[in-house]
């Protein structure tokens, strides 16, 4: 079983780890475990509010699509490790796998509260 480690740029939110299996989605894992990540489009890859940085473990997530790349370009401070958390599903489960996700400061984003 994999571990997803969520780190937040907002220093008020502590780092949290959750267990993940093949098919799990990064945005759902955060929300299901009490962590808020903005999300406006209903997980259909039509906005950039759920933008995160995948610091380790990118190779075990679904490949980035052209549509996702287009929306990442609209995100605040996109980087090479940027992804939309709604589009990141775990496709490979390795023993002792840790996926590190950094959630940017979302205070300037208007997003749906869950």
C-alpha atoms as a PDB file:
ATOM      1  CA  UNK A   1       0.000   0.000   0.000  1.00  0.00           C
ATOM      2  CA  UNK A   2       1.276   3.459  -0.913  1.00  0.00           C
ATOM      3  CA  UNK A   3       1.489   6.471   1.358  1.00  0.00           C
ATOM      4  CA  UNK A   4       0.526   9.936   0.114  1.00  0.00           C
ATOM      5  CA  UNK A   5       2.191  12.679   2.131  1.00  0.00           C
ATOM      6  CA  UNK A   6       0.417  16.017   1.858  1.00  0.00           C
ATOM      7  CA  UNK A   7       2.553  19.062   2.647  1.00  0.00           C
ATOM      8  CA  UNK A   8       1.011  22.519   2.665  1.00  0.00           C
ATOM      9  CA  UNK A   9       2.610  25.864   1.852  1.00  0.00           C
ATOM     10  CA  UNK A  10       0.216  27.317   4.433  1.00  0.00           C
ATOM     11  CA  UNK A  11       2.301  26.750   7.572  1.00  0.00           C
ATOM     12  CA  UNK A  12      -0.876  26.595   9.689  1.00  0.00           C
ATOM     13  CA  UNK A  13      -1.752  23.225   8.116  1.00  0.00           C
ATOM     14  CA  UNK A  14       0.401  20.307   9.293  1.00  0.00           C
ATOM     15  CA  UNK A  15       1.828  17.643   6.995  1.00  0.00           C
ATOM     16  CA  UNK A  16      -0.473  14.631   6.838  1.00  0.00           C
ATOM     17  CA  UNK A  17      -0.062  11.108   5.488  1.00  0.00           C
ATOM     18  CA  UNK A  18      -2.786   8.802   4.181  1.00  0.00           C
ATOM     19  CA  UNK A  19      -2.776   5.284   2.778  1.00  0.00           C
ATOM     20  CA  UNK A  20      -3.613   4.867  -0.905  1.00  0.00           C
ATOM     21  CA  UNK A  21      -4.360   2.016  -3.284  1.00  0.00           C
ATOM     22  CA  UNK A  22      -4.470   1.658  -7.060  1.00  0.00           C
ATOM     23  CA  UNK A  23      -7.345   3.750  -8.406  1.00  0.00           C
ATOM     24  CA  UNK A  24      -7.298   6.307  -5.588  1.00  0.00           C
ATOM     25  CA  UNK A  25      -7.401   9.953  -6.645  1.00  0.00           C
ATOM     26  CA  UNK A  26      -5.196  12.594  -4.984  1.00  0.00           C
ATOM     27  CA  UNK A  27      -8.004  15.168  -4.614  1.00  0.00           C
ATOM     28  CA  UNK A  28     -10.396  12.578  -3.169  1.00  0.00           C
ATOM     29  CA  UNK A  29      -7.736  11.320  -0.749  1.00  0.00           C
ATOM     30  CA  UNK A  30      -7.234  14.832   0.588  1.00  0.00           C
ATOM     31  CA  UNK A  31     -10.945  15.575   0.956  1.00  0.00           C
ATOM     32  CA  UNK A  32     -11.807  12.135   2.379  1.00  0.00           C
ATOM     33  CA  UNK A  33      -9.181  12.666   5.083  1.00  0.00           C
ATOM     34  CA  UNK A  34     -10.214  16.146   6.188  1.00  0.00           C
ATOM     35  CA  UNK A  35      -7.802  18.205   4.090  1.00  0.00           C
ATOM     36  CA  UNK A  36      -9.220  20.931   1.886  1.00  0.00           C
ATOM     37  CA  UNK A  37      -8.020  21.413  -1.685  1.00  0.00           C
ATOM     38  CA  UNK A  38      -9.979  23.907  -3.768  1.00  0.00           C
ATOM     39  CA  UNK A  39     -11.917  22.376  -6.639  1.00  0.00           C
ATOM     40  CA  UNK A  40     -14.402  24.222  -8.825  1.00  0.00           C
ATOM     41  CA  UNK A  41     -15.098  22.030 -11.845  1.00  0.00           C
ATOM     42  CA  UNK A  42     -16.296  18.781 -10.310  1.00  0.00           C
ATOM     43  CA  UNK A  43     -13.142  16.858 -11.249  1.00  0.00           C
ATOM     44  CA  UNK A  44     -13.600  17.146 -15.028  1.00  0.00           C
ATOM     45  CA  UNK A  45     -10.328  18.944 -15.800  1.00  0.00           C
ATOM     46  CA  UNK A  46     -11.988  22.259 -16.620  1.00  0.00           C
ATOM     47  CA  UNK A  47     -10.187  24.630 -14.214  1.00  0.00           C
ATOM     48  CA  UNK A  48      -6.925  24.901 -12.295  1.00  0.00           C
ATOM     49  CA  UNK A  49      -8.126  25.393  -8.723  1.00  0.00           C
ATOM     50  CA  UNK A  50      -6.947  21.949  -7.533  1.00  0.00           C
ATOM     51  CA  UNK A  51      -3.376  22.601  -8.701  1.00  0.00           C
ATOM     52  CA  UNK A  52      -0.681  20.818  -6.663  1.00  0.00           C
ATOM     53  CA  UNK A  53       2.989  19.922  -6.984  1.00  0.00           C
ATOM     54  CA  UNK A  54       3.904  16.230  -7.121  1.00  0.00           C
ATOM     55  CA  UNK A  55       7.340  16.262  -5.513  1.00  0.00           C
ATOM     56  CA  UNK A  56       7.899  12.501  -5.578  1.00  0.00           C
ATOM     57  CA  UNK A  57       5.966   9.619  -7.084  1.00  0.00           C
ATOM     58  CA  UNK A  58       4.855  11.168 -10.388  1.00  0.00           C
ATOM     59  CA  UNK A  59       5.743   7.927 -12.175  1.00  0.00           C
ATOM     60  CA  UNK A  60       2.974   5.962 -10.407  1.00  0.00           C
ATOM     61  CA  UNK A  61       0.194   8.406 -11.287  1.00  0.00           C
ATOM     62  CA  UNK A  62      -1.883   8.670 -14.445  1.00  0.00           C
ATOM     63  CA  UNK A  63      -0.074  10.423 -17.267  1.00  0.00           C
ATOM     64  CA  UNK A  64      -0.726  14.092 -17.783  1.00  0.00           C
ATOM     65  CA  UNK A  65      -3.084  14.861 -20.665  1.00  0.00           C
ATOM     66  CA  UNK A  66      -2.890  17.761 -23.115  1.00  0.00           C
ATOM     67  CA  UNK A  67      -6.050  19.202 -21.555  1.00  0.00           C
ATOM     68  CA  UNK A  68      -4.536  19.047 -18.073  1.00  0.00           C
ATOM     69  CA  UNK A  69      -1.366  20.749 -19.327  1.00  0.00           C
ATOM     70  CA  UNK A  70      -3.473  23.557 -20.794  1.00  0.00           C
ATOM     71  CA  UNK A  71      -5.171  24.196 -17.458  1.00  0.00           C
ATOM     72  CA  UNK A  72      -1.913  23.942 -15.500  1.00  0.00           C
ATOM     73  CA  UNK A  73      -0.633  26.829 -17.620  1.00  0.00           C
ATOM     74  CA  UNK A  74      -3.460  28.905 -16.084  1.00  0.00           C
ATOM     75  CA  UNK A  75      -2.597  27.952 -12.492  1.00  0.00           C
ATOM     76  CA  UNK A  76      -0.819  30.266 -10.069  1.00  0.00           C
ATOM     77  CA  UNK A  77       2.949  29.570 -10.126  1.00  0.00           C
ATOM     78  CA  UNK A  78       2.991  26.446 -12.333  1.00  0.00           C
ATOM     79  CA  UNK A  79       6.191  24.396 -12.249  1.00  0.00           C
ATOM     80  CA  UNK A  80       7.469  21.285 -13.974  1.00  0.00           C
ATOM     81  CA  UNK A  81       6.040  19.135 -11.150  1.00  0.00           C
ATOM     82  CA  UNK A  82       2.583  20.768 -11.356  1.00  0.00           C
ATOM     83  CA  UNK A  83      -0.504  18.592 -11.709  1.00  0.00           C
ATOM     84  CA  UNK A  84      -4.233  18.961 -11.196  1.00  0.00           C
ATOM     85  CA  UNK A  85      -5.015  16.778  -8.200  1.00  0.00           C
ATOM     86  CA  UNK A  86      -8.378  15.774  -9.705  1.00  0.00           C
ATOM     87  CA  UNK A  87      -6.522  14.114 -12.588  1.00  0.00           C
ATOM     88  CA  UNK A  88      -3.976  12.175 -10.510  1.00  0.00           C
ATOM     89  CA  UNK A  89      -4.972   8.567  -9.943  1.00  0.00           C
ATOM     90  CA  UNK A  90      -2.621   5.976  -8.499  1.00  0.00           C
ATOM     91  CA  UNK A  91      -1.947   3.409 -11.239  1.00  0.00           C
ATOM     92  CA  UNK A  92       0.901   1.425  -9.656  1.00  0.00           C
ATOM     93  CA  UNK A  93       1.222   0.333  -6.044  1.00  0.00           C
ATOM     94  CA  UNK A  94       4.751  -0.489  -4.940  1.00  0.00           C
ATOM     95  CA  UNK A  95       5.861  -1.628  -1.512  1.00  0.00           C
ATOM     96  CA  UNK A  96       6.986   1.292   0.658  1.00  0.00           C
ATOM     97  CA  UNK A  97       5.969   3.830  -1.994  1.00  0.00           C
ATOM     98  CA  UNK A  98       5.644   7.434  -0.818  1.00  0.00           C
ATOM     99  CA  UNK A  99       4.030  10.066  -3.013  1.00  0.00           C
ATOM    100  CA  UNK A 100       4.743  13.587  -1.827  1.00  0.00           C
ATOM    101  CA  UNK A 101       2.175  16.235  -2.738  1.00  0.00           C
ATOM    102  CA  UNK A 102       2.723  19.907  -1.965  1.00  0.00           C
ATOM    103  CA  UNK A 103      -0.462  21.960  -1.854  1.00  0.00           C
ATOM    104  CA  UNK A 104       0.195  25.592  -2.792  1.00  0.00           C
ATOM    105  CA  UNK A 105      -1.177  28.399  -0.668  1.00  0.00           C
ATOM    106  CA  UNK A 106      -4.807  28.595  -1.746  1.00  0.00           C
ATOM    107  CA  UNK A 107      -5.747  31.794   0.064  1.00  0.00           C
ATOM    108  CA  UNK A 108      -5.894  33.733  -3.228  1.00  0.00           C
ATOM    109  CA  UNK A 109      -8.112  31.203  -4.988  1.00  0.00           C
ATOM    110  CA  UNK A 110     -11.862  31.318  -4.896  1.00  0.00           C
ATOM    111  CA  UNK A 111     -12.870  27.689  -4.596  1.00  0.00           C
ATOM    112  CA  UNK A 112     -15.719  25.560  -3.424  1.00  0.00           C
ATOM    113  CA  UNK A 113     -15.780  24.566   0.223  1.00  0.00           C
ATOM    114  CA  UNK A 114     -16.528  20.890   0.779  1.00  0.00           C
END
